[in-house]
């Protein structure tokens, strides 16, 4: 599982630079660990529920040769263990030292080159746009997903598959209410489209 500072090919958060005078600036916001867990749990299990069938099928496999209700119990136990393990991966992200910057109270400053996560007047973290894999707009917020890190060289194929398949999404959460005006909101969405993080729409404003 990739940690936040291992994403984007190992780039992580970089030394903050001053944004453009025309940068879009937001109000302060804070993503709580409970809100993050709720969002990620929903996304993970929407994608991974099918993998829960694998331990269930493995538990029932011996029943082909020896019929017993114990195999059903084994299948259920294996499935529950898988669910607990996958859920623990999600909740574990919120407990890691590397993840703490994601849950601080901050405001955002965005221009064409970078996204600044500003915690205080003298404390900011830089995230360049090449470290963002995709964006999603929900009814009340934007989610900017960070790219997963590059796996170590020489990693066995099965371990590489596990790392990619059971990665935990890490994202920045930007509620719509933190934007200072409808125009800022429109400019930010246009910026995301220009960076190919959102689908381009005909007539969209460019930044």
N, C-alpha and C. Protein backbone atom coordinates (compact mmCIF):
# COMPACT_ATOMS: atom_id res chain seq x y z
N UNK A 1 0.85 -1.19 0.00
CA UNK A 1 0.00 0.00 0.00
C UNK A 1 0.88 1.24 0.00
N UNK A 2 0.58 2.17 -0.89
CA UNK A 2 1.38 3.37 -1.00
C UNK A 2 0.96 4.41 0.03
N UNK A 3 1.92 5.07 0.62
CA UNK A 3 1.64 6.14 1.56
C UNK A 3 1.57 7.45 0.79
N UNK A 4 0.92 8.49 1.39
CA UNK A 4 0.77 9.75 0.69
C UNK A 4 2.07 10.34 0.19
N UNK A 5 3.16 10.25 0.97
CA UNK A 5 4.41 10.84 0.52
C UNK A 5 5.18 9.95 -0.44
N UNK A 6 4.60 8.79 -0.81
CA UNK A 6 5.23 7.93 -1.79
C UNK A 6 4.51 8.01 -3.12
N UNK A 7 3.48 8.83 -3.19
CA UNK A 7 2.69 8.89 -4.40
C UNK A 7 3.32 9.85 -5.40
N UNK A 8 2.82 9.72 -6.65
CA UNK A 8 3.37 10.56 -7.70
C UNK A 8 4.79 10.18 -8.04
N UNK A 9 5.10 8.89 -8.03
CA UNK A 9 6.43 8.45 -8.39
C UNK A 9 7.47 8.80 -7.37
N UNK A 10 7.07 8.95 -6.11
CA UNK A 10 8.05 9.23 -5.05
C UNK A 10 8.26 10.70 -4.81
N UNK A 11 7.50 11.58 -5.55
CA UNK A 11 7.70 13.01 -5.40
C UNK A 11 7.18 13.53 -4.09
N UNK A 12 5.97 13.10 -3.72
CA UNK A 12 5.37 13.56 -2.48
C UNK A 12 5.17 15.06 -2.46
N UNK A 13 4.97 15.65 -1.28
CA UNK A 13 4.85 17.08 -1.16
C UNK A 13 6.22 17.73 -1.28
N UNK A 14 6.28 18.81 -2.01
CA UNK A 14 7.56 19.46 -2.29
C UNK A 14 7.65 20.82 -1.62
N UNK A 15 8.81 21.42 -1.69
CA UNK A 15 9.03 22.74 -1.11
C UNK A 15 8.08 23.74 -1.75
N UNK A 16 7.35 24.45 -0.92
CA UNK A 16 6.33 25.36 -1.44
C UNK A 16 6.96 26.57 -2.10
N UNK A 17 6.37 26.98 -3.23
CA UNK A 17 6.76 28.19 -3.91
C UNK A 17 5.58 29.15 -3.87
N UNK A 18 5.84 30.43 -4.14
CA UNK A 18 4.76 31.41 -4.12
C UNK A 18 3.87 31.20 -5.34
N UNK A 19 2.56 31.18 -5.13
CA UNK A 19 1.66 31.02 -6.26
C UNK A 19 1.57 32.29 -7.09
N UNK A 20 0.98 32.19 -8.25
CA UNK A 20 0.75 33.34 -9.10
C UNK A 20 -0.20 34.31 -8.41
N UNK A 21 -0.04 35.63 -8.67
CA UNK A 21 -0.99 36.61 -8.11
C UNK A 21 -2.43 36.34 -8.55
N UNK A 22 -2.59 35.61 -9.66
CA UNK A 22 -3.91 35.29 -10.16
C UNK A 22 -4.42 33.94 -9.65
N UNK A 23 -3.73 33.36 -8.68
CA UNK A 23 -4.12 32.05 -8.17
C UNK A 23 -5.50 32.09 -7.54
N UNK A 24 -6.19 30.99 -7.60
CA UNK A 24 -7.49 30.83 -6.96
C UNK A 24 -7.24 30.48 -5.50
N UNK A 25 -7.80 31.24 -4.58
CA UNK A 25 -7.61 30.99 -3.16
C UNK A 25 -8.94 30.63 -2.51
N UNK A 26 -8.90 29.66 -1.62
CA UNK A 26 -10.13 29.19 -0.98
C UNK A 26 -10.14 29.56 0.50
N UNK A 27 -11.28 29.35 1.12
CA UNK A 27 -11.38 29.45 2.58
C UNK A 27 -10.78 28.19 3.20
N UNK A 28 -10.60 28.21 4.51
CA UNK A 28 -10.03 27.06 5.20
C UNK A 28 -11.05 25.92 5.30
N UNK A 29 -10.53 24.71 5.29
CA UNK A 29 -11.37 23.54 5.45
C UNK A 29 -10.54 22.44 6.11
N UNK A 30 -11.18 21.42 6.58
CA UNK A 30 -10.48 20.29 7.20
C UNK A 30 -11.23 19.00 6.91
N UNK A 31 -10.51 18.06 6.33
CA UNK A 31 -11.07 16.73 6.09
C UNK A 31 -10.84 15.88 7.35
N UNK A 32 -11.91 15.46 7.97
CA UNK A 32 -11.76 14.64 9.17
C UNK A 32 -11.44 13.19 8.78
N UNK A 33 -10.84 12.47 9.69
CA UNK A 33 -10.52 11.07 9.42
C UNK A 33 -11.79 10.24 9.24
N UNK A 34 -12.86 10.61 9.95
CA UNK A 34 -14.13 9.88 9.80
C UNK A 34 -14.71 10.08 8.40
N UNK A 35 -14.65 11.32 7.91
CA UNK A 35 -15.19 11.61 6.58
C UNK A 35 -14.36 10.89 5.51
N UNK A 36 -13.03 10.92 5.67
CA UNK A 36 -12.16 10.21 4.72
C UNK A 36 -12.47 8.72 4.71
N UNK A 37 -12.57 8.13 5.90
CA UNK A 37 -12.84 6.69 5.98
C UNK A 37 -14.17 6.34 5.33
N UNK A 38 -15.17 7.16 5.57
CA UNK A 38 -16.50 6.90 4.99
C UNK A 38 -16.45 6.96 3.46
N UNK A 39 -15.78 7.96 2.92
CA UNK A 39 -15.69 8.11 1.47
C UNK A 39 -14.91 6.97 0.84
N UNK A 40 -13.77 6.61 1.46
CA UNK A 40 -12.92 5.58 0.87
C UNK A 40 -13.54 4.19 1.02
N UNK A 41 -14.16 3.93 2.16
CA UNK A 41 -14.81 2.63 2.34
C UNK A 41 -15.83 2.38 1.25
N UNK A 42 -16.65 3.41 0.97
CA UNK A 42 -17.65 3.27 -0.07
C UNK A 42 -17.04 3.00 -1.43
N UNK A 43 -15.95 3.71 -1.73
CA UNK A 43 -15.30 3.54 -3.03
C UNK A 43 -14.60 2.18 -3.14
N UNK A 44 -13.90 1.79 -2.08
CA UNK A 44 -13.16 0.53 -2.09
C UNK A 44 -14.10 -0.67 -2.26
N UNK A 45 -15.18 -0.69 -1.48
CA UNK A 45 -16.05 -1.86 -1.54
C UNK A 45 -16.95 -1.87 -2.76
N UNK A 46 -17.17 -0.71 -3.36
CA UNK A 46 -17.87 -0.69 -4.65
C UNK A 46 -17.05 -1.39 -5.72
N UNK A 47 -15.71 -1.29 -5.59
CA UNK A 47 -14.80 -1.91 -6.57
C UNK A 47 -14.38 -3.32 -6.17
N UNK A 48 -14.19 -3.56 -4.87
CA UNK A 48 -13.53 -4.79 -4.43
C UNK A 48 -14.46 -5.87 -3.90
N UNK A 49 -15.77 -5.62 -3.91
CA UNK A 49 -16.67 -6.64 -3.34
C UNK A 49 -16.49 -7.99 -4.03
N UNK A 50 -16.17 -7.96 -5.32
CA UNK A 50 -16.04 -9.22 -6.06
C UNK A 50 -14.87 -10.06 -5.54
N UNK A 51 -13.82 -9.39 -5.00
CA UNK A 51 -12.68 -10.13 -4.48
C UNK A 51 -13.03 -10.88 -3.19
N UNK A 52 -14.09 -10.45 -2.52
CA UNK A 52 -14.53 -11.16 -1.32
C UNK A 52 -15.07 -12.54 -1.67
N UNK A 53 -15.42 -12.74 -2.93
CA UNK A 53 -15.92 -14.05 -3.35
C UNK A 53 -14.79 -15.08 -3.45
N UNK A 54 -13.54 -14.60 -3.60
CA UNK A 54 -12.41 -15.53 -3.74
C UNK A 54 -12.20 -16.35 -2.47
N UNK A 55 -12.04 -15.72 -1.28
CA UNK A 55 -11.88 -16.55 -0.07
C UNK A 55 -13.12 -17.40 0.21
N UNK A 56 -14.30 -16.89 -0.16
CA UNK A 56 -15.50 -17.69 0.05
C UNK A 56 -15.46 -18.96 -0.81
N UNK A 57 -15.04 -18.80 -2.08
CA UNK A 57 -14.96 -19.96 -2.97
C UNK A 57 -13.87 -20.93 -2.52
N UNK A 58 -12.74 -20.40 -2.03
CA UNK A 58 -11.66 -21.27 -1.55
C UNK A 58 -12.10 -22.08 -0.34
N UNK A 59 -12.90 -21.43 0.55
CA UNK A 59 -13.39 -22.14 1.72
C UNK A 59 -14.35 -23.27 1.36
N UNK A 60 -15.09 -23.10 0.27
CA UNK A 60 -16.04 -24.13 -0.15
C UNK A 60 -15.41 -25.21 -1.03
N UNK A 61 -14.21 -24.95 -1.53
CA UNK A 61 -13.58 -25.88 -2.47
C UNK A 61 -13.49 -27.32 -1.94
N UNK A 62 -13.09 -27.53 -0.67
CA UNK A 62 -13.00 -28.91 -0.18
C UNK A 62 -14.34 -29.66 -0.18
N UNK A 63 -15.45 -28.90 -0.22
CA UNK A 63 -16.76 -29.54 -0.21
C UNK A 63 -17.01 -30.38 -1.46
N UNK A 64 -16.22 -30.14 -2.51
CA UNK A 64 -16.33 -30.94 -3.72
C UNK A 64 -15.98 -32.40 -3.42
N UNK A 65 -15.03 -32.58 -2.51
CA UNK A 65 -14.54 -33.93 -2.21
C UNK A 65 -15.12 -34.51 -0.92
N UNK A 66 -15.50 -33.62 0.01
CA UNK A 66 -16.01 -34.08 1.30
C UNK A 66 -17.11 -33.12 1.77
N UNK A 67 -18.36 -33.59 1.70
CA UNK A 67 -19.48 -32.73 2.05
C UNK A 67 -19.56 -32.56 3.57
N UNK A 68 -19.59 -31.29 3.98
CA UNK A 68 -19.71 -30.98 5.40
C UNK A 68 -20.11 -29.52 5.56
N UNK A 69 -20.94 -29.25 6.60
CA UNK A 69 -21.32 -27.87 6.90
C UNK A 69 -20.12 -27.05 7.40
N UNK A 70 -19.07 -27.72 7.81
CA UNK A 70 -17.88 -27.01 8.29
C UNK A 70 -17.24 -26.19 7.19
N UNK A 71 -17.36 -26.65 5.94
CA UNK A 71 -16.75 -25.90 4.84
C UNK A 71 -17.47 -24.57 4.62
N UNK A 72 -18.78 -24.56 4.84
CA UNK A 72 -19.52 -23.29 4.73
C UNK A 72 -19.06 -22.33 5.82
N UNK A 73 -18.88 -22.86 7.03
CA UNK A 73 -18.38 -22.02 8.12
C UNK A 73 -17.00 -21.48 7.79
N UNK A 74 -16.14 -22.35 7.23
CA UNK A 74 -14.79 -21.91 6.86
C UNK A 74 -14.85 -20.81 5.80
N UNK A 75 -15.74 -20.98 4.81
CA UNK A 75 -15.87 -19.98 3.75
C UNK A 75 -16.30 -18.63 4.31
N UNK A 76 -17.24 -18.66 5.25
CA UNK A 76 -17.72 -17.42 5.86
C UNK A 76 -16.62 -16.75 6.67
N UNK A 77 -15.87 -17.55 7.44
CA UNK A 77 -14.78 -17.00 8.26
C UNK A 77 -13.70 -16.37 7.38
N UNK A 78 -13.32 -17.05 6.30
CA UNK A 78 -12.30 -16.51 5.39
C UNK A 78 -12.76 -15.20 4.76
N UNK A 79 -14.04 -15.14 4.41
CA UNK A 79 -14.58 -13.91 3.82
C UNK A 79 -14.57 -12.77 4.82
N UNK A 80 -14.95 -13.06 6.05
CA UNK A 80 -14.94 -12.02 7.09
C UNK A 80 -13.52 -11.53 7.35
N UNK A 81 -12.56 -12.44 7.37
CA UNK A 81 -11.16 -12.04 7.57
C UNK A 81 -10.68 -11.13 6.44
N UNK A 82 -11.07 -11.45 5.21
CA UNK A 82 -10.69 -10.61 4.07
C UNK A 82 -11.30 -9.21 4.21
N UNK A 83 -12.58 -9.15 4.57
CA UNK A 83 -13.25 -7.86 4.73
C UNK A 83 -12.58 -7.04 5.83
N UNK A 84 -12.24 -7.68 6.94
CA UNK A 84 -11.58 -6.97 8.04
C UNK A 84 -10.20 -6.48 7.62
N UNK A 85 -9.46 -7.30 6.88
CA UNK A 85 -8.12 -6.91 6.44
C UNK A 85 -8.18 -5.72 5.49
N UNK A 86 -9.10 -5.78 4.51
CA UNK A 86 -9.21 -4.69 3.54
C UNK A 86 -9.68 -3.41 4.21
N UNK A 87 -10.60 -3.53 5.14
CA UNK A 87 -11.08 -2.35 5.86
C UNK A 87 -9.98 -1.76 6.73
N UNK A 88 -9.14 -2.63 7.31
CA UNK A 88 -8.04 -2.15 8.15
C UNK A 88 -7.02 -1.37 7.32
N UNK A 89 -6.86 -1.74 6.05
CA UNK A 89 -5.96 -0.97 5.18
C UNK A 89 -6.45 0.47 5.05
N UNK A 90 -7.76 0.64 4.92
CA UNK A 90 -8.33 1.98 4.77
C UNK A 90 -8.16 2.78 6.05
N UNK A 91 -8.58 2.22 7.17
CA UNK A 91 -8.49 2.95 8.44
C UNK A 91 -7.03 3.18 8.84
N UNK A 92 -6.14 2.30 8.39
CA UNK A 92 -4.72 2.46 8.73
C UNK A 92 -4.10 3.72 8.15
N UNK A 93 -4.61 4.17 7.00
CA UNK A 93 -4.07 5.38 6.38
C UNK A 93 -4.23 6.58 7.30
N UNK A 94 -5.34 6.64 8.01
CA UNK A 94 -5.61 7.79 8.88
C UNK A 94 -4.72 7.80 10.12
N UNK A 95 -4.08 6.68 10.44
CA UNK A 95 -3.25 6.58 11.64
C UNK A 95 -1.77 6.83 11.36
N UNK A 96 -1.39 6.91 10.10
CA UNK A 96 0.02 7.00 9.75
C UNK A 96 0.54 8.43 9.83
N UNK A 97 1.77 8.57 10.27
CA UNK A 97 2.39 9.89 10.40
C UNK A 97 2.43 10.62 9.07
N UNK A 98 2.70 9.87 7.97
CA UNK A 98 2.79 10.49 6.65
C UNK A 98 1.47 11.05 6.17
N UNK A 99 0.37 10.56 6.74
CA UNK A 99 -0.96 10.99 6.29
C UNK A 99 -1.49 12.21 7.03
N UNK A 100 -0.86 12.59 8.11
CA UNK A 100 -1.39 13.66 8.94
C UNK A 100 -1.60 14.98 8.19
N UNK A 101 -0.71 15.36 7.23
CA UNK A 101 -0.96 16.61 6.51
C UNK A 101 -2.30 16.64 5.78
N UNK A 102 -2.82 15.49 5.39
CA UNK A 102 -4.09 15.45 4.67
C UNK A 102 -5.26 15.86 5.55
N UNK A 103 -5.09 15.77 6.86
CA UNK A 103 -6.20 15.99 7.78
C UNK A 103 -6.02 17.26 8.62
N UNK A 104 -5.10 18.12 8.22
CA UNK A 104 -4.93 19.40 8.91
C UNK A 104 -5.91 20.42 8.36
N UNK A 105 -6.18 21.44 9.15
CA UNK A 105 -7.04 22.53 8.69
C UNK A 105 -6.20 23.42 7.78
N UNK A 106 -6.68 23.63 6.56
CA UNK A 106 -5.87 24.35 5.57
C UNK A 106 -6.77 25.05 4.55
N UNK A 107 -6.17 25.96 3.81
CA UNK A 107 -6.83 26.49 2.61
C UNK A 107 -5.96 26.16 1.41
N UNK A 108 -6.53 26.28 0.24
CA UNK A 108 -5.83 25.90 -0.99
C UNK A 108 -5.59 27.13 -1.86
N UNK A 109 -4.45 27.11 -2.57
CA UNK A 109 -4.13 28.15 -3.54
C UNK A 109 -3.70 27.44 -4.82
N UNK A 110 -4.44 27.66 -5.90
CA UNK A 110 -4.21 26.92 -7.13
C UNK A 110 -3.92 27.86 -8.29
N UNK A 111 -2.89 27.53 -9.05
CA UNK A 111 -2.66 28.20 -10.32
C UNK A 111 -2.32 27.14 -11.36
N UNK A 112 -1.86 27.56 -12.51
CA UNK A 112 -1.63 26.62 -13.61
C UNK A 112 -0.47 25.66 -13.34
N UNK A 113 0.42 26.01 -12.41
CA UNK A 113 1.62 25.20 -12.16
C UNK A 113 1.51 24.30 -10.94
N UNK A 114 0.78 24.73 -9.93
CA UNK A 114 0.83 24.00 -8.67
C UNK A 114 -0.43 24.21 -7.85
N UNK A 115 -0.52 23.39 -6.83
CA UNK A 115 -1.59 23.49 -5.84
C UNK A 115 -0.90 23.59 -4.48
N UNK A 116 -1.13 24.68 -3.77
CA UNK A 116 -0.54 24.86 -2.45
C UNK A 116 -1.54 24.51 -1.37
N UNK A 117 -1.11 23.72 -0.41
CA UNK A 117 -1.90 23.37 0.77
C UNK A 117 -1.36 24.23 1.91
N UNK A 118 -2.04 25.31 2.20
CA UNK A 118 -1.50 26.28 3.16
C UNK A 118 -2.14 26.08 4.53
N UNK A 119 -1.31 25.65 5.48
CA UNK A 119 -1.76 25.41 6.85
C UNK A 119 -1.69 26.70 7.66
N UNK A 120 -0.69 27.53 7.40
CA UNK A 120 -0.52 28.80 8.09
C UNK A 120 0.23 29.76 7.20
N UNK A 121 0.46 31.00 7.66
CA UNK A 121 1.14 32.01 6.84
C UNK A 121 2.52 31.56 6.37
N UNK A 122 3.24 30.82 7.22
CA UNK A 122 4.59 30.39 6.88
C UNK A 122 4.69 28.89 6.65
N UNK A 123 3.57 28.22 6.60
CA UNK A 123 3.60 26.76 6.46
C UNK A 123 2.68 26.34 5.33
N UNK A 124 3.29 25.84 4.25
CA UNK A 124 2.52 25.40 3.09
C UNK A 124 3.24 24.23 2.44
N UNK A 125 2.47 23.41 1.79
CA UNK A 125 3.02 22.27 1.06
C UNK A 125 2.63 22.38 -0.40
N UNK A 126 3.57 22.05 -1.27
CA UNK A 126 3.34 22.18 -2.70
C UNK A 126 3.01 20.82 -3.31
N UNK A 127 2.01 20.82 -4.14
CA UNK A 127 1.65 19.63 -4.90
C UNK A 127 1.56 20.05 -6.36
N UNK A 128 2.48 19.57 -7.18
CA UNK A 128 2.43 19.90 -8.59
C UNK A 128 1.35 19.05 -9.28
N UNK A 129 0.81 19.57 -10.35
CA UNK A 129 -0.33 18.92 -10.99
C UNK A 129 0.00 17.55 -11.55
N UNK A 130 1.28 17.29 -11.83
CA UNK A 130 1.62 15.98 -12.38
C UNK A 130 1.51 14.87 -11.32
N UNK A 131 1.31 15.24 -10.06
CA UNK A 131 1.12 14.24 -9.01
C UNK A 131 -0.35 13.90 -8.78
N UNK A 132 -1.23 14.57 -9.51
CA UNK A 132 -2.67 14.30 -9.40
C UNK A 132 -3.08 13.39 -10.55
N UNK A 133 -3.67 12.25 -10.21
CA UNK A 133 -4.04 11.27 -11.23
C UNK A 133 -5.37 11.61 -11.90
N UNK A 134 -6.34 12.04 -11.11
CA UNK A 134 -7.67 12.33 -11.64
C UNK A 134 -8.43 13.15 -10.62
N UNK A 135 -9.53 13.69 -11.08
CA UNK A 135 -10.41 14.46 -10.21
C UNK A 135 -11.83 13.95 -10.35
N UNK A 136 -12.61 14.18 -9.32
CA UNK A 136 -14.01 13.79 -9.34
C UNK A 136 -14.82 14.90 -8.70
N UNK A 137 -15.93 15.25 -9.33
CA UNK A 137 -16.81 16.24 -8.72
C UNK A 137 -18.05 15.55 -8.19
N UNK A 138 -18.25 15.64 -6.89
CA UNK A 138 -19.47 15.16 -6.27
C UNK A 138 -20.46 16.31 -6.15
N UNK A 139 -21.58 16.06 -5.53
CA UNK A 139 -22.59 17.09 -5.39
C UNK A 139 -22.12 18.26 -4.54
N UNK A 140 -21.20 18.00 -3.60
CA UNK A 140 -20.80 19.05 -2.67
C UNK A 140 -19.29 19.27 -2.58
N UNK A 141 -18.50 18.59 -3.41
CA UNK A 141 -17.04 18.71 -3.27
C UNK A 141 -16.32 18.17 -4.50
N UNK A 142 -15.06 18.62 -4.64
CA UNK A 142 -14.13 18.02 -5.59
C UNK A 142 -13.20 17.08 -4.82
N UNK A 143 -12.86 15.96 -5.44
CA UNK A 143 -11.87 15.04 -4.90
C UNK A 143 -10.72 14.95 -5.89
N UNK A 144 -9.51 15.28 -5.45
CA UNK A 144 -8.32 15.19 -6.29
C UNK A 144 -7.49 14.00 -5.83
N UNK A 145 -7.42 12.96 -6.64
CA UNK A 145 -6.75 11.72 -6.28
C UNK A 145 -5.27 11.79 -6.63
N UNK A 146 -4.41 11.47 -5.66
CA UNK A 146 -2.98 11.46 -5.89
C UNK A 146 -2.58 10.18 -6.61
N UNK A 147 -1.54 10.30 -7.46
CA UNK A 147 -1.06 9.13 -8.18
C UNK A 147 -0.40 8.14 -7.22
N UNK A 148 -0.57 6.85 -7.45
CA UNK A 148 0.15 5.86 -6.63
C UNK A 148 1.64 5.91 -6.93
N UNK A 149 2.45 5.53 -5.96
CA UNK A 149 3.90 5.54 -6.14
C UNK A 149 4.36 4.42 -7.07
N UNK A 150 5.58 4.54 -7.53
CA UNK A 150 6.18 3.52 -8.38
C UNK A 150 6.64 2.34 -7.53
N UNK A 151 6.18 1.12 -7.84
CA UNK A 151 6.60 -0.05 -7.05
C UNK A 151 8.11 -0.27 -7.15
N UNK A 152 8.73 -0.85 -6.13
CA UNK A 152 10.16 -1.13 -6.17
C UNK A 152 10.51 -2.06 -7.33
N UNK A 153 11.68 -1.87 -7.90
CA UNK A 153 12.13 -2.74 -8.99
C UNK A 153 12.34 -4.16 -8.48
N UNK A 154 12.06 -5.11 -9.37
CA UNK A 154 12.28 -6.51 -9.02
C UNK A 154 11.18 -7.12 -8.19
N UNK A 155 10.07 -6.39 -8.01
CA UNK A 155 8.97 -6.92 -7.22
C UNK A 155 8.31 -8.07 -7.98
N UNK A 156 8.04 -9.16 -7.27
CA UNK A 156 7.41 -10.32 -7.90
C UNK A 156 6.07 -9.93 -8.51
N UNK A 157 5.70 -10.61 -9.60
CA UNK A 157 4.48 -10.25 -10.33
C UNK A 157 3.24 -10.30 -9.45
N UNK A 158 3.15 -11.33 -8.58
CA UNK A 158 1.96 -11.45 -7.75
C UNK A 158 1.89 -10.34 -6.71
N UNK A 159 3.06 -9.92 -6.21
CA UNK A 159 3.08 -8.82 -5.23
C UNK A 159 2.75 -7.50 -5.92
N UNK A 160 3.19 -7.35 -7.17
CA UNK A 160 2.87 -6.15 -7.93
C UNK A 160 1.36 -6.07 -8.18
N UNK A 161 0.77 -7.22 -8.48
CA UNK A 161 -0.68 -7.26 -8.70
C UNK A 161 -1.42 -6.91 -7.41
N UNK A 162 -0.96 -7.44 -6.29
CA UNK A 162 -1.61 -7.13 -5.01
C UNK A 162 -1.52 -5.64 -4.69
N UNK A 163 -0.33 -5.06 -4.91
CA UNK A 163 -0.12 -3.65 -4.59
C UNK A 163 -1.03 -2.75 -5.42
N UNK A 164 -1.19 -3.10 -6.70
CA UNK A 164 -2.02 -2.27 -7.58
C UNK A 164 -3.50 -2.50 -7.35
N UNK A 165 -3.87 -3.75 -7.09
CA UNK A 165 -5.28 -4.09 -6.94
C UNK A 165 -5.84 -3.59 -5.62
N UNK A 166 -5.06 -3.71 -4.54
CA UNK A 166 -5.55 -3.37 -3.22
C UNK A 166 -4.92 -2.10 -2.67
N UNK A 167 -4.63 -1.18 -3.56
CA UNK A 167 -4.16 0.13 -3.15
C UNK A 167 -5.32 0.88 -2.47
N UNK A 168 -4.98 1.79 -1.57
CA UNK A 168 -6.00 2.60 -0.90
C UNK A 168 -5.96 4.01 -1.50
N UNK A 169 -7.08 4.51 -2.02
CA UNK A 169 -7.09 5.85 -2.61
C UNK A 169 -6.73 6.92 -1.58
N UNK A 170 -5.89 7.86 -2.01
CA UNK A 170 -5.56 9.02 -1.19
C UNK A 170 -5.91 10.26 -2.01
N UNK A 171 -6.66 11.16 -1.41
CA UNK A 171 -7.14 12.31 -2.18
C UNK A 171 -7.19 13.57 -1.32
N UNK A 172 -7.29 14.71 -1.99
CA UNK A 172 -7.57 15.98 -1.36
C UNK A 172 -9.06 16.27 -1.53
N UNK A 173 -9.67 16.78 -0.49
CA UNK A 173 -11.12 17.02 -0.49
C UNK A 173 -11.36 18.52 -0.46
N UNK A 174 -11.97 19.05 -1.53
CA UNK A 174 -12.23 20.48 -1.64
C UNK A 174 -13.74 20.71 -1.72
N UNK A 175 -14.39 20.99 -0.59
CA UNK A 175 -15.84 21.27 -0.62
C UNK A 175 -16.14 22.50 -1.47
N UNK A 176 -17.27 22.49 -2.14
CA UNK A 176 -17.64 23.63 -2.98
C UNK A 176 -17.80 24.90 -2.16
N UNK A 177 -18.20 24.76 -0.90
CA UNK A 177 -18.47 25.92 -0.05
C UNK A 177 -17.22 26.72 0.30
N UNK A 178 -16.02 26.17 0.09
CA UNK A 178 -14.80 26.90 0.45
C UNK A 178 -14.37 27.89 -0.62
N UNK A 179 -14.99 27.82 -1.81
CA UNK A 179 -14.62 28.76 -2.86
C UNK A 179 -15.30 30.11 -2.58
N UNK A 180 -14.56 31.18 -2.82
CA UNK A 180 -15.01 32.50 -2.42
C UNK A 180 -16.07 33.10 -3.33
N UNK A 181 -16.20 32.57 -4.52
CA UNK A 181 -17.20 33.10 -5.45
C UNK A 181 -17.52 32.06 -6.50
N UNK A 182 -18.68 32.17 -7.14
CA UNK A 182 -19.00 31.26 -8.25
C UNK A 182 -17.98 31.33 -9.38
N UNK A 183 -17.39 32.51 -9.57
CA UNK A 183 -16.39 32.64 -10.63
C UNK A 183 -15.14 31.82 -10.30
N UNK A 184 -14.70 31.83 -9.03
CA UNK A 184 -13.55 31.01 -8.63
C UNK A 184 -13.85 29.53 -8.86
N UNK A 185 -15.06 29.13 -8.55
CA UNK A 185 -15.46 27.74 -8.75
C UNK A 185 -15.41 27.38 -10.23
N UNK A 186 -15.88 28.29 -11.06
CA UNK A 186 -15.87 28.06 -12.51
C UNK A 186 -14.45 28.00 -13.05
N UNK A 187 -13.58 28.88 -12.56
CA UNK A 187 -12.19 28.88 -13.00
C UNK A 187 -11.46 27.62 -12.57
N UNK A 188 -11.74 27.15 -11.35
CA UNK A 188 -11.09 25.93 -10.87
C UNK A 188 -11.50 24.72 -11.70
N UNK A 189 -12.77 24.63 -12.01
CA UNK A 189 -13.23 23.50 -12.82
C UNK A 189 -12.62 23.57 -14.22
N UNK A 190 -12.50 24.76 -14.76
CA UNK A 190 -11.87 24.92 -16.07
C UNK A 190 -10.40 24.51 -16.01
N UNK A 191 -9.73 24.83 -14.89
CA UNK A 191 -8.34 24.43 -14.72
C UNK A 191 -8.21 22.91 -14.70
N UNK A 192 -9.10 22.24 -14.00
CA UNK A 192 -9.07 20.77 -13.95
C UNK A 192 -9.29 20.17 -15.33
N UNK A 193 -10.17 20.78 -16.10
CA UNK A 193 -10.42 20.27 -17.46
C UNK A 193 -9.20 20.50 -18.35
N UNK A 194 -8.56 21.63 -18.17
CA UNK A 194 -7.36 21.92 -18.96
C UNK A 194 -6.24 20.94 -18.63
N UNK A 195 -6.17 20.48 -17.39
CA UNK A 195 -5.16 19.50 -16.96
C UNK A 195 -5.60 18.07 -17.28
N UNK A 196 -6.74 17.93 -17.96
CA UNK A 196 -7.28 16.60 -18.32
C UNK A 196 -7.61 15.75 -17.09
N UNK A 197 -7.96 16.41 -16.00
CA UNK A 197 -8.36 15.70 -14.78
C UNK A 197 -9.87 15.51 -14.72
N UNK A 198 -10.58 16.33 -15.48
CA UNK A 198 -12.02 16.19 -15.68
C UNK A 198 -12.28 16.18 -17.18
N UNK A 199 -13.34 15.52 -17.63
CA UNK A 199 -13.66 15.51 -19.05
C UNK A 199 -13.88 16.93 -19.57
N UNK A 200 -13.38 17.22 -20.76
CA UNK A 200 -13.53 18.52 -21.35
C UNK A 200 -14.95 18.69 -21.89
N UNK A 201 -15.54 19.85 -21.63
CA UNK A 201 -16.87 20.13 -22.14
C UNK A 201 -16.79 21.26 -23.15
N UNK A 202 -17.66 21.19 -24.12
CA UNK A 202 -17.69 22.24 -25.14
C UNK A 202 -18.01 23.56 -24.49
N UNK A 203 -17.22 24.57 -24.85
CA UNK A 203 -17.47 25.90 -24.33
C UNK A 203 -16.94 26.14 -22.95
N UNK A 204 -16.15 25.19 -22.40
CA UNK A 204 -15.63 25.37 -21.04
C UNK A 204 -14.63 26.51 -21.00
N UNK A 205 -14.62 27.25 -19.89
CA UNK A 205 -13.69 28.36 -19.72
C UNK A 205 -12.27 27.83 -19.54
N UNK A 206 -11.30 28.50 -20.11
CA UNK A 206 -9.90 28.12 -19.94
C UNK A 206 -9.22 29.06 -18.99
N UNK A 207 -8.15 28.58 -18.35
CA UNK A 207 -7.41 29.39 -17.38
C UNK A 207 -6.01 29.64 -17.89
